[in-house]
Amino acid sequence: MLNKLAGIQGKLNNIGDEVYQTWSHEQRHEEIAKLVQGFRNGLPVQILCQLSASIAGGTAEAAEHLAILIPRRERKTIVNRESGSDKALRDLLEATLLPPRN
């Protein structure tokens, strides 16, 4: 029974991903812009990063949108302020907000 419930929960978690795949680049960008505004109004940064990655189709894609929406200096400040000594959180934030420059 628990395995069946876990399977259903996994499918529900992926529903959004399937819907986002049908969206245009512009729709994704607009939705991520709304998340940025939400972050500036108190939405936790982890949610900003995770939902942005889901909407964009991956962390690298989310990073591209976020780089346009949030200046690099502000993104650096966010990573330093929010992650503290939490290595896993720092890794998530750096991957999404401060990807390596090419």
PDB file of N, CA and C in Angstrom:
ATOM      1  N   MET A   1       0.829  -1.200   0.000  1.00  0.00           N
ATOM      2  CA  MET A   1       0.000   0.000   0.000  1.00  0.00           C
ATOM      3  C   MET A   1       0.871   1.261   0.000  1.00  0.00           C
ATOM      4  N   LEU A   2       1.922   1.268   0.844  1.00  0.00           N
ATOM      5  CA  LEU A   2       2.803   2.424   0.902  1.00  0.00           C
ATOM      6  C   LEU A   2       3.533   2.626  -0.420  1.00  0.00           C
ATOM      7  N   ASN A   3       3.949   1.528  -1.056  1.00  0.00           N
ATOM      8  CA  ASN A   3       4.621   1.640  -2.352  1.00  0.00           C
ATOM      9  C   ASN A   3       3.691   2.244  -3.391  1.00  0.00           C
ATOM     10  N   LYS A   4       2.420   1.840  -3.362  1.00  0.00           N
ATOM     11  CA  LYS A   4       1.446   2.369  -4.309  1.00  0.00           C
ATOM     12  C   LYS A   4       1.249   3.867  -4.072  1.00  0.00           C
ATOM     13  N   LEU A   5       1.150   4.269  -2.792  1.00  0.00           N
ATOM     14  CA  LEU A   5       1.001   5.690  -2.466  1.00  0.00           C
ATOM     15  C   LEU A   5       2.226   6.483  -2.885  1.00  0.00           C
ATOM     16  N   ALA A   6       3.404   5.925  -2.688  1.00  0.00           N
ATOM     17  CA  ALA A   6       4.632   6.605  -3.091  1.00  0.00           C
ATOM     18  C   ALA A   6       4.664   6.780  -4.604  1.00  0.00           C
ATOM     19  N   GLY A   7       4.211   5.794  -5.342  1.00  0.00           N
ATOM     20  CA  GLY A   7       4.167   5.887  -6.798  1.00  0.00           C
ATOM     21  C   GLY A   7       3.213   6.966  -7.262  1.00  0.00           C
ATOM     22  N   ILE A   8       2.066   7.044  -6.615  1.00  0.00           N
ATOM     23  CA  ILE A   8       1.087   8.077  -6.949  1.00  0.00           C
ATOM     24  C   ILE A   8       1.667   9.451  -6.636  1.00  0.00           C
ATOM     25  N   GLN A   9       2.308   9.592  -5.492  1.00  0.00           N
ATOM     26  CA  GLN A   9       2.913  10.870  -5.111  1.00  0.00           C
ATOM     27  C   GLN A   9       3.986  11.265  -6.117  1.00  0.00           C
ATOM     28  N   GLY A  10       4.801  10.310  -6.556  1.00  0.00           N
ATOM     29  CA  GLY A  10       5.829  10.600  -7.552  1.00  0.00           C
ATOM     30  C   GLY A  10       5.238  11.084  -8.852  1.00  0.00           C
ATOM     31  N   LYS A  11       4.128  10.474  -9.274  1.00  0.00           N
ATOM     32  CA  LYS A  11       3.463  10.904 -10.503  1.00  0.00           C
ATOM     33  C   LYS A  11       2.889  12.313 -10.340  1.00  0.00           C
ATOM     34  N   LEU A  12       2.332  12.611  -9.179  1.00  0.00           N
ATOM     35  CA  LEU A  12       1.786  13.941  -8.934  1.00  0.00           C
ATOM     36  C   LEU A  12       2.893  14.993  -8.959  1.00  0.00           C
ATOM     37  N   ASN A  13       4.051  14.659  -8.414  1.00  0.00           N
ATOM     38  CA  ASN A  13       5.170  15.594  -8.410  1.00  0.00           C
ATOM     39  C   ASN A  13       5.639  15.907  -9.821  1.00  0.00           C
ATOM     40  N   ASN A  14       5.476  14.983 -10.751  1.00  0.00           N
ATOM     41  CA  ASN A  14       5.949  15.168 -12.117  1.00  0.00           C
ATOM     42  C   ASN A  14       4.915  15.829 -13.019  1.00  0.00           C
ATOM     43  N   ILE A  15       3.687  15.990 -12.555  1.00  0.00           N
ATOM     44  CA  ILE A  15       2.639  16.594 -13.381  1.00  0.00           C
ATOM     45  C   ILE A  15       3.052  17.997 -13.812  1.00  0.00           C
ATOM     46  N   GLY A  16       3.541  18.787 -12.902  1.00  0.00           N
ATOM     47  CA  GLY A  16       3.969  20.141 -13.241  1.00  0.00           C
ATOM     48  C   GLY A  16       5.053  20.134 -14.293  1.00  0.00           C
ATOM     49  N   ASP A  17       6.012  19.231 -14.159  1.00  0.00           N
ATOM     50  CA  ASP A  17       7.103  19.153 -15.126  1.00  0.00           C
ATOM     51  C   ASP A  17       6.565  18.894 -16.529  1.00  0.00           C
ATOM     52  N   GLU A  18       5.576  18.023 -16.646  1.00  0.00           N
ATOM     53  CA  GLU A  18       5.001  17.712 -17.952  1.00  0.00           C
ATOM     54  C   GLU A  18       4.272  18.923 -18.530  1.00  0.00           C
ATOM     55  N   VAL A  19       3.585  19.666 -17.689  1.00  0.00           N
ATOM     56  CA  VAL A  19       2.882  20.860 -18.154  1.00  0.00           C
ATOM     57  C   VAL A  19       3.893  21.912 -18.602  1.00  0.00           C
ATOM     58  N   TYR A  20       4.943  22.124 -17.824  1.00  0.00           N
ATOM     59  CA  TYR A  20       5.941  23.136 -18.156  1.00  0.00           C
ATOM     60  C   TYR A  20       6.607  22.855 -19.500  1.00  0.00           C
ATOM     61  N   GLN A  21       6.745  21.581 -19.860  1.00  0.00           N
ATOM     62  CA  GLN A  21       7.380  21.231 -21.128  1.00  0.00           C
ATOM     63  C   GLN A  21       6.584  21.741 -22.325  1.00  0.00           C
ATOM     64  N   THR A  22       5.305  21.976 -22.133  1.00  0.00           N
ATOM     65  CA  THR A  22       4.465  22.464 -23.233  1.00  0.00           C
ATOM     66  C   THR A  22       4.532  23.985 -23.365  1.00  0.00           C
ATOM     67  N   TRP A  23       5.139  24.659 -22.387  1.00  0.00           N
ATOM     68  CA  TRP A  23       5.192  26.116 -22.384  1.00  0.00           C
ATOM     69  C   TRP A  23       6.286  26.632 -23.303  1.00  0.00           C
ATOM     70  N   SER A  24       6.065  27.807 -23.850  1.00  0.00           N
ATOM     71  CA  SER A  24       7.092  28.478 -24.652  1.00  0.00           C
ATOM     72  C   SER A  24       8.175  29.028 -23.726  1.00  0.00           C
ATOM     73  N   HIS A  25       9.281  29.386 -24.328  1.00  0.00           N
ATOM     74  CA  HIS A  25      10.379  30.009 -23.574  1.00  0.00           C
ATOM     75  C   HIS A  25       9.885  31.262 -22.858  1.00  0.00           C
ATOM     76  N   GLU A  26       9.054  32.037 -23.528  1.00  0.00           N
ATOM     77  CA  GLU A  26       8.533  33.278 -22.949  1.00  0.00           C
ATOM     78  C   GLU A  26       7.626  33.000 -21.752  1.00  0.00           C
ATOM     79  N   GLN A  27       6.781  31.973 -21.864  1.00  0.00           N
ATOM     80  CA  GLN A  27       5.910  31.617 -20.743  1.00  0.00           C
ATOM     81  C   GLN A  27       6.740  31.192 -19.536  1.00  0.00           C
ATOM     82  N   ARG A  28       7.758  30.397 -19.781  1.00  0.00           N
ATOM     83  CA  ARG A  28       8.628  29.960 -18.685  1.00  0.00           C
ATOM     84  C   ARG A  28       9.302  31.165 -18.036  1.00  0.00           C
ATOM     85  N   HIS A  29       9.799  32.071 -18.864  1.00  0.00           N
ATOM     86  CA  HIS A  29      10.490  33.248 -18.344  1.00  0.00           C
ATOM     87  C   HIS A  29       9.546  34.098 -17.493  1.00  0.00           C
ATOM     88  N   GLU A  30       8.335  34.303 -17.965  1.00  0.00           N
ATOM     89  CA  GLU A  30       7.358  35.088 -17.209  1.00  0.00           C
ATOM     90  C   GLU A  30       7.034  34.445 -15.865  1.00  0.00           C
ATOM     91  N   GLU A  31       6.909  33.122 -15.859  1.00  0.00           N
ATOM     92  CA  GLU A  31       6.586  32.424 -14.613  1.00  0.00           C
ATOM     93  C   GLU A  31       7.753  32.491 -13.634  1.00  0.00           C
ATOM     94  N   ILE A  32       8.968  32.362 -14.144  1.00  0.00           N
ATOM     95  CA  ILE A  32      10.147  32.464 -13.274  1.00  0.00           C
ATOM     96  C   ILE A  32      10.285  33.890 -12.756  1.00  0.00           C
ATOM     97  N   ALA A  33       9.933  34.886 -13.573  1.00  0.00           N
ATOM     98  CA  ALA A  33       9.943  36.275 -13.112  1.00  0.00           C
ATOM     99  C   ALA A  33       8.975  36.466 -11.941  1.00  0.00           C
ATOM    100  N   LYS A  34       7.840  35.780 -12.000  1.00  0.00           N
ATOM    101  CA  LYS A  34       6.880  35.841 -10.881  1.00  0.00           C
ATOM    102  C   LYS A  34       7.489  35.222  -9.626  1.00  0.00           C
ATOM    103  N   LEU A  35       8.243  34.138  -9.795  1.00  0.00           N
ATOM    104  CA  LEU A  35       8.906  33.527  -8.642  1.00  0.00           C
ATOM    105  C   LEU A  35       9.947  34.466  -8.040  1.00  0.00           C
ATOM    106  N   VAL A  36      10.684  35.175  -8.896  1.00  0.00           N
ATOM    107  CA  VAL A  36      11.671  36.144  -8.407  1.00  0.00           C
ATOM    108  C   VAL A  36      10.969  37.214  -7.588  1.00  0.00           C
ATOM    109  N   GLN A  37       9.850  37.698  -8.086  1.00  0.00           N
ATOM    110  CA  GLN A  37       9.082  38.692  -7.333  1.00  0.00           C
ATOM    111  C   GLN A  37       8.610  38.090  -6.007  1.00  0.00           C
ATOM    112  N   GLY A  38       8.167  36.845  -6.053  1.00  0.00           N
ATOM    113  CA  GLY A  38       7.764  36.167  -4.830  1.00  0.00           C
ATOM    114  C   GLY A  38       8.919  36.044  -3.848  1.00  0.00           C
ATOM    115  N   PHE A  39      10.103  35.738  -4.349  1.00  0.00           N
ATOM    116  CA  PHE A  39      11.282  35.661  -3.485  1.00  0.00           C
ATOM    117  C   PHE A  39      11.545  37.013  -2.829  1.00  0.00           C
ATOM    118  N   ARG A  40      11.434  38.053  -3.589  1.00  0.00           N
ATOM    119  CA  ARG A  40      11.670  39.400  -3.042  1.00  0.00           C
ATOM    120  C   ARG A  40      10.608  39.790  -2.019  1.00  0.00           C
ATOM    121  N   ASN A  41       9.491  39.066  -2.041  1.00  0.00           N
ATOM    122  CA  ASN A  41       8.413  39.301  -1.073  1.00  0.00           C
ATOM    123  C   ASN A  41       8.370  38.240   0.020  1.00  0.00           C
ATOM    124  N   GLY A  42       9.398  37.386   0.092  1.00  0.00           N
ATOM    125  CA  GLY A  42       9.476  36.442   1.205  1.00  0.00           C
ATOM    126  C   GLY A  42       9.473  34.970   0.858  1.00  0.00           C
ATOM    127  N   LEU A  43       9.304  34.595  -0.397  1.00  0.00           N
ATOM    128  CA  LEU A  43       9.371  33.185  -0.790  1.00  0.00           C
ATOM    129  C   LEU A  43      10.765  32.650  -0.501  1.00  0.00           C
ATOM    130  N   PRO A  44      10.886  31.494   0.154  1.00  0.00           N
ATOM    131  CA  PRO A  44      12.213  30.937   0.447  1.00  0.00           C
ATOM    132  C   PRO A  44      13.027  30.700  -0.824  1.00  0.00           C
ATOM    133  N   VAL A  45      14.314  30.962  -0.736  1.00  0.00           N
ATOM    134  CA  VAL A  45      15.199  30.851  -1.895  1.00  0.00           C
ATOM    135  C   VAL A  45      15.255  29.424  -2.442  1.00  0.00           C
ATOM    136  N   GLN A  46      15.118  28.419  -1.565  1.00  0.00           N
ATOM    137  CA  GLN A  46      15.124  27.034  -2.040  1.00  0.00           C
ATOM    138  C   GLN A  46      13.960  26.791  -2.991  1.00  0.00           C
ATOM    139  N   ILE A  47      12.811  27.352  -2.671  1.00  0.00           N
ATOM    140  CA  ILE A  47      11.634  27.191  -3.526  1.00  0.00           C
ATOM    141  C   ILE A  47      11.855  27.925  -4.847  1.00  0.00           C
ATOM    142  N   LEU A  48      12.430  29.126  -4.782  1.00  0.00           N
ATOM    143  CA  LEU A  48      12.755  29.857  -6.004  1.00  0.00           C
ATOM    144  C   LEU A  48      13.621  28.997  -6.923  1.00  0.00           C
ATOM    145  N   CYS A  49      14.662  28.419  -6.382  1.00  0.00           N
ATOM    146  CA  CYS A  49      15.599  27.631  -7.200  1.00  0.00           C
ATOM    147  C   CYS A  49      14.964  26.345  -7.714  1.00  0.00           C
ATOM    148  N   GLN A  50      14.291  25.614  -6.854  1.00  0.00           N
ATOM    149  CA  GLN A  50      13.711  24.334  -7.253  1.00  0.00           C
ATOM    150  C   GLN A  50      12.580  24.505  -8.262  1.00  0.00           C
ATOM    151  N   LEU A  51      11.680  25.449  -8.022  1.00  0.00           N
ATOM    152  CA  LEU A  51      10.587  25.663  -8.972  1.00  0.00           C
ATOM    153  C   LEU A  51      11.091  26.250 -10.288  1.00  0.00           C
ATOM    154  N   SER A  52      12.080  27.124 -10.210  1.00  0.00           N
ATOM    155  CA  SER A  52      12.656  27.667 -11.438  1.00  0.00           C
ATOM    156  C   SER A  52      13.252  26.560 -12.291  1.00  0.00           C
ATOM    157  N   ALA A  53      13.964  25.631 -11.655  1.00  0.00           N
ATOM    158  CA  ALA A  53      14.550  24.510 -12.392  1.00  0.00           C
ATOM    159  C   ALA A  53      13.466  23.630 -13.000  1.00  0.00           C
ATOM    160  N   SER A  54      12.413  23.405 -12.261  1.00  0.00           N
ATOM    161  CA  SER A  54      11.311  22.591 -12.763  1.00  0.00           C
ATOM    162  C   SER A  54      10.639  23.269 -13.952  1.00  0.00           C
ATOM    163  N   ILE A  55      10.370  24.544 -13.826  1.00  0.00           N
ATOM    164  CA  ILE A  55       9.703  25.293 -14.893  1.00  0.00           C
ATOM    165  C   ILE A  55      10.597  25.390 -16.127  1.00  0.00           C
ATOM    166  N   ALA A  56      11.869  25.691 -15.914  1.00  0.00           N
ATOM    167  CA  ALA A  56      12.788  25.912 -17.028  1.00  0.00           C
ATOM    168  C   ALA A  56      13.193  24.619 -17.720  1.00  0.00           C
ATOM    169  N   GLY A  57      13.095  23.503 -17.023  1.00  0.00           N
ATOM    170  CA  GLY A  57      13.502  22.230 -17.612  1.00  0.00           C
ATOM    171  C   GLY A  57      14.847  21.746 -17.126  1.00  0.00           C
ATOM    172  N   GLY A  58      15.421  22.406 -16.140  1.00  0.00           N
ATOM    173  CA  GLY A  58      16.688  21.982 -15.570  1.00  0.00           C
ATOM    174  C   GLY A  58      17.379  23.140 -14.874  1.00  0.00           C
ATOM    175  N   THR A  59      18.395  22.817 -14.111  1.00  0.00           N
ATOM    176  CA  THR A  59      19.114  23.827 -13.342  1.00  0.00           C
ATOM    177  C   THR A  59      19.826  24.823 -14.248  1.00  0.00           C
ATOM    178  N   ALA A  60      20.494  24.326 -15.286  1.00  0.00           N
ATOM    179  CA  ALA A  60      21.225  25.226 -16.191  1.00  0.00           C
ATOM    180  C   ALA A  60      20.272  26.191 -16.892  1.00  0.00           C
ATOM    181  N   GLU A  61      19.124  25.676 -17.294  1.00  0.00           N
ATOM    182  CA  GLU A  61      18.133  26.520 -17.959  1.00  0.00           C
ATOM    183  C   GLU A  61      17.569  27.563 -16.999  1.00  0.00           C
ATOM    184  N   ALA A  62      17.327  27.144 -15.756  1.00  0.00           N
ATOM    185  CA  ALA A  62      16.837  28.086 -14.741  1.00  0.00           C
ATOM    186  C   ALA A  62      17.874  29.171 -14.492  1.00  0.00           C
ATOM    187  N   ALA A  63      19.134  28.773 -14.442  1.00  0.00           N
ATOM    188  CA  ALA A  63      20.212  29.735 -14.212  1.00  0.00           C
ATOM    189  C   ALA A  63      20.230  30.807 -15.299  1.00  0.00           C
ATOM    190  N   GLU A  64      19.949  30.419 -16.534  1.00  0.00           N
ATOM    191  CA  GLU A  64      19.910  31.394 -17.630  1.00  0.00           C
ATOM    192  C   GLU A  64      18.806  32.428 -17.400  1.00  0.00           C
ATOM    193  N   HIS A  65      17.638  31.967 -17.013  1.00  0.00           N
ATOM    194  CA  HIS A  65      16.528  32.888 -16.745  1.00  0.00           C
ATOM    195  C   HIS A  65      16.862  33.792 -15.556  1.00  0.00           C
ATOM    196  N   LEU A  66      17.353  33.194 -14.491  1.00  0.00           N
ATOM    197  CA  LEU A  66      17.627  33.964 -13.281  1.00  0.00           C
ATOM    198  C   LEU A  66      18.738  34.981 -13.500  1.00  0.00           C
ATOM    199  N   ALA A  67      19.695  34.652 -14.367  1.00  0.00           N
ATOM    200  CA  ALA A  67      20.775  35.599 -14.666  1.00  0.00           C
ATOM    201  C   ALA A  67      20.237  36.849 -15.352  1.00  0.00           C
ATOM    202  N   ILE A  68      19.183  36.699 -16.105  1.00  0.00           N
ATOM    203  CA  ILE A  68      18.559  37.842 -16.774  1.00  0.00           C
ATOM    204  C   ILE A  68      17.731  38.659 -15.782  1.00  0.00           C
ATOM    205  N   LEU A  69      17.107  37.970 -14.846  1.00  0.00           N
ATOM    206  CA  LEU A  69      16.157  38.615 -13.932  1.00  0.00           C
ATOM    207  C   LEU A  69      16.790  39.218 -12.682  1.00  0.00           C
ATOM    208  N   ILE A  70      17.945  38.684 -12.276  1.00  0.00           N
ATOM    209  CA  ILE A  70      18.591  39.142 -11.040  1.00  0.00           C
ATOM    210  C   ILE A  70      20.050  39.470 -11.365  1.00  0.00           C
ATOM    211  N   PRO A  71      20.494  40.687 -11.068  1.00  0.00           N
ATOM    212  CA  PRO A  71      21.891  41.039 -11.333  1.00  0.00           C
ATOM    213  C   PRO A  71      22.854  40.112 -10.587  1.00  0.00           C
ATOM    214  N   ARG A  72      24.018  39.848 -11.200  1.00  0.00           N
ATOM    215  CA  ARG A  72      24.996  38.917 -10.622  1.00  0.00           C
ATOM    216  C   ARG A  72      25.383  39.296  -9.198  1.00  0.00           C
ATOM    217  N   ARG A  73      25.597  40.549  -8.940  1.00  0.00           N
ATOM    218  CA  ARG A  73      25.986  40.986  -7.588  1.00  0.00           C
ATOM    219  C   ARG A  73      24.906  40.599  -6.568  1.00  0.00           C
ATOM    220  N   GLU A  74      23.654  40.779  -6.942  1.00  0.00           N
ATOM    221  CA  GLU A  74      22.552  40.413  -6.051  1.00  0.00           C
ATOM    222  C   GLU A  74      22.499  38.897  -5.856  1.00  0.00           C
ATOM    223  N   ARG A  75      22.734  38.148  -6.932  1.00  0.00           N
ATOM    224  CA  ARG A  75      22.728  36.689  -6.813  1.00  0.00           C
ATOM    225  C   ARG A  75      23.839  36.206  -5.885  1.00  0.00           C
ATOM    226  N   LYS A  76      25.013  36.836  -5.960  1.00  0.00           N
ATOM    227  CA  LYS A  76      26.118  36.475  -5.061  1.00  0.00           C
ATOM    228  C   LYS A  76      25.736  36.748  -3.606  1.00  0.00           C
ATOM    229  N   THR A  77      25.107  37.894  -3.387  1.00  0.00           N
ATOM    230  CA  THR A  77      24.666  38.262  -2.040  1.00  0.00           C
ATOM    231  C   THR A  77      23.657  37.249  -1.510  1.00  0.00           C
ATOM    232  N   ILE A  78      22.735  36.838  -2.362  1.00  0.00           N
ATOM    233  CA  ILE A  78      21.714  35.861  -1.963  1.00  0.00           C
ATOM    234  C   ILE A  78      22.380  34.560  -1.541  1.00  0.00           C
ATOM    235  N   VAL A  79      23.316  34.069  -2.344  1.00  0.00           N
ATOM    236  CA  VAL A  79      23.991  32.806  -2.030  1.00  0.00           C
ATOM    237  C   VAL A  79      24.692  32.911  -0.687  1.00  0.00           C
ATOM    238  N   ASN A  80      25.448  33.968  -0.475  1.00  0.00           N
ATOM    239  CA  ASN A  80      26.195  34.121   0.778  1.00  0.00           C
ATOM    240  C   ASN A  80      25.289  34.303   1.987  1.00  0.00           C
ATOM    241  N   ARG A  81      24.239  35.086   1.827  1.00  0.00           N
ATOM    242  CA  ARG A  81      23.326  35.373   2.934  1.00  0.00           C
ATOM    243  C   ARG A  81      22.493  34.154   3.309  1.00  0.00           C
ATOM    244  N   GLU A  82      21.976  33.459   2.306  1.00  0.00           N
ATOM    245  CA  GLU A  82      21.014  32.387   2.556  1.00  0.00           C
ATOM    246  C   GLU A  82      21.646  31.044   2.920  1.00  0.00           C
ATOM    247  N   SER A  83      22.836  30.757   2.417  1.00  0.00           N
ATOM    248  CA  SER A  83      23.375  29.410   2.603  1.00  0.00           C
ATOM    249  C   SER A  83      24.098  29.219   3.928  1.00  0.00           C
ATOM    250  N   GLY A  84      24.725  30.268   4.436  1.00  0.00           N
ATOM    251  CA  GLY A  84      25.460  30.127   5.681  1.00  0.00           C
ATOM    252  C   GLY A  84      26.454  28.987   5.595  1.00  0.00           C
ATOM    253  N   SER A  85      26.385  28.061   6.549  1.00  0.00           N
ATOM    254  CA  SER A  85      27.320  26.929   6.565  1.00  0.00           C
ATOM    255  C   SER A  85      26.694  25.650   6.008  1.00  0.00           C
ATOM    256  N   ASP A  86      25.510  25.766   5.439  1.00  0.00           N
ATOM    257  CA  ASP A  86      24.811  24.607   4.881  1.00  0.00           C
ATOM    258  C   ASP A  86      25.362  24.303   3.482  1.00  0.00           C
ATOM    259  N   LYS A  87      26.232  23.298   3.387  1.00  0.00           N
ATOM    260  CA  LYS A  87      26.911  22.956   2.130  1.00  0.00           C
ATOM    261  C   LYS A  87      25.931  22.546   1.041  1.00  0.00           C
ATOM    262  N   ALA A  88      24.946  21.736   1.380  1.00  0.00           N
ATOM    263  CA  ALA A  88      23.979  21.278   0.379  1.00  0.00           C
ATOM    264  C   ALA A  88      23.183  22.458  -0.188  1.00  0.00           C
ATOM    265  N   LEU A  89      22.787  23.363   0.683  1.00  0.00           N
ATOM    266  CA  LEU A  89      22.048  24.539   0.231  1.00  0.00           C
ATOM    267  C   LEU A  89      22.942  25.433  -0.620  1.00  0.00           C
ATOM    268  N   ARG A  90      24.180  25.614  -0.196  1.00  0.00           N
ATOM    269  CA  ARG A  90      25.121  26.429  -0.981  1.00  0.00           C
ATOM    270  C   ARG A  90      25.302  25.835  -2.381  1.00  0.00           C
ATOM    271  N   ASP A  91      25.434  24.514  -2.466  1.00  0.00           N
ATOM    272  CA  ASP A  91      25.591  23.861  -3.762  1.00  0.00           C
ATOM    273  C   ASP A  91      24.376  24.109  -4.658  1.00  0.00           C
ATOM    274  N   LEU A  92      23.178  23.979  -4.088  1.00  0.00           N
ATOM    275  CA  LEU A  92      21.948  24.235  -4.845  1.00  0.00           C
ATOM    276  C   LEU A  92      21.902  25.675  -5.336  1.00  0.00           C
ATOM    277  N   LEU A  93      22.183  26.604  -4.443  1.00  0.00           N
ATOM    278  CA  LEU A  93      22.106  28.016  -4.801  1.00  0.00           C
ATOM    279  C   LEU A  93      23.157  28.398  -5.829  1.00  0.00           C
ATOM    280  N   GLU A  94      24.370  27.894  -5.653  1.00  0.00           N
ATOM    281  CA  GLU A  94      25.423  28.219  -6.616  1.00  0.00           C
ATOM    282  C   GLU A  94      25.108  27.646  -7.994  1.00  0.00           C
ATOM    283  N   ALA A  95      24.573  26.431  -8.032  1.00  0.00           N
ATOM    284  CA  ALA A  95      24.248  25.813  -9.327  1.00  0.00           C
ATOM    285  C   ALA A  95      23.165  26.591 -10.056  1.00  0.00           C
ATOM    286  N   THR A  96      22.219  27.123  -9.299  1.00  0.00           N
ATOM    287  CA  THR A  96      21.078  27.803  -9.909  1.00  0.00           C
ATOM    288  C   THR A  96      21.321  29.307 -10.090  1.00  0.00           C
ATOM    289  N   LEU A  97      21.991  29.917  -9.141  1.00  0.00           N
ATOM    290  CA  LEU A  97      22.174  31.366  -9.182  1.00  0.00           C
ATOM    291  C   LEU A  97      23.539  31.821  -9.688  1.00  0.00           C
ATOM    292  N   LEU A  98      24.553  30.971  -9.504  1.00  0.00           N
ATOM    293  CA  LEU A  98      25.912  31.377  -9.891  1.00  0.00           C
ATOM    294  C   LEU A  98      26.615  30.277 -10.690  1.00  0.00           C
ATOM    295  N   PRO A  99      26.039  29.881 -11.802  1.00  0.00           N
ATOM    296  CA  PRO A  99      26.700  28.832 -12.585  1.00  0.00           C
ATOM    297  C   PRO A  99      28.042  29.348 -13.108  1.00  0.00           C
ATOM    298  N   PRO A 100      28.968  28.442 -13.390  1.00  0.00           N
ATOM    299  CA  PRO A 100      30.273  28.893 -13.921  1.00  0.00           C
ATOM    300  C   PRO A 100      30.081  29.685 -15.213  1.00  0.00           C
ATOM    301  N   ARG A 101      30.868  30.719 -15.350  1.00  0.00           N
ATOM    302  CA  ARG A 101      30.819  31.533 -16.567  1.00  0.00           C
ATOM    303  C   ARG A 101      31.578  30.817 -17.666  1.00  0.00           C
ATOM    304  N   ASN A 102      31.067  30.886 -18.861  1.00  0.00           N
ATOM    305  CA  ASN A 102      31.757  30.250 -20.002  1.00  0.00           C
ATOM    306  C   ASN A 102      32.630  31.242 -20.726  1.00  0.00           C
TER     307      ASN A 102
END
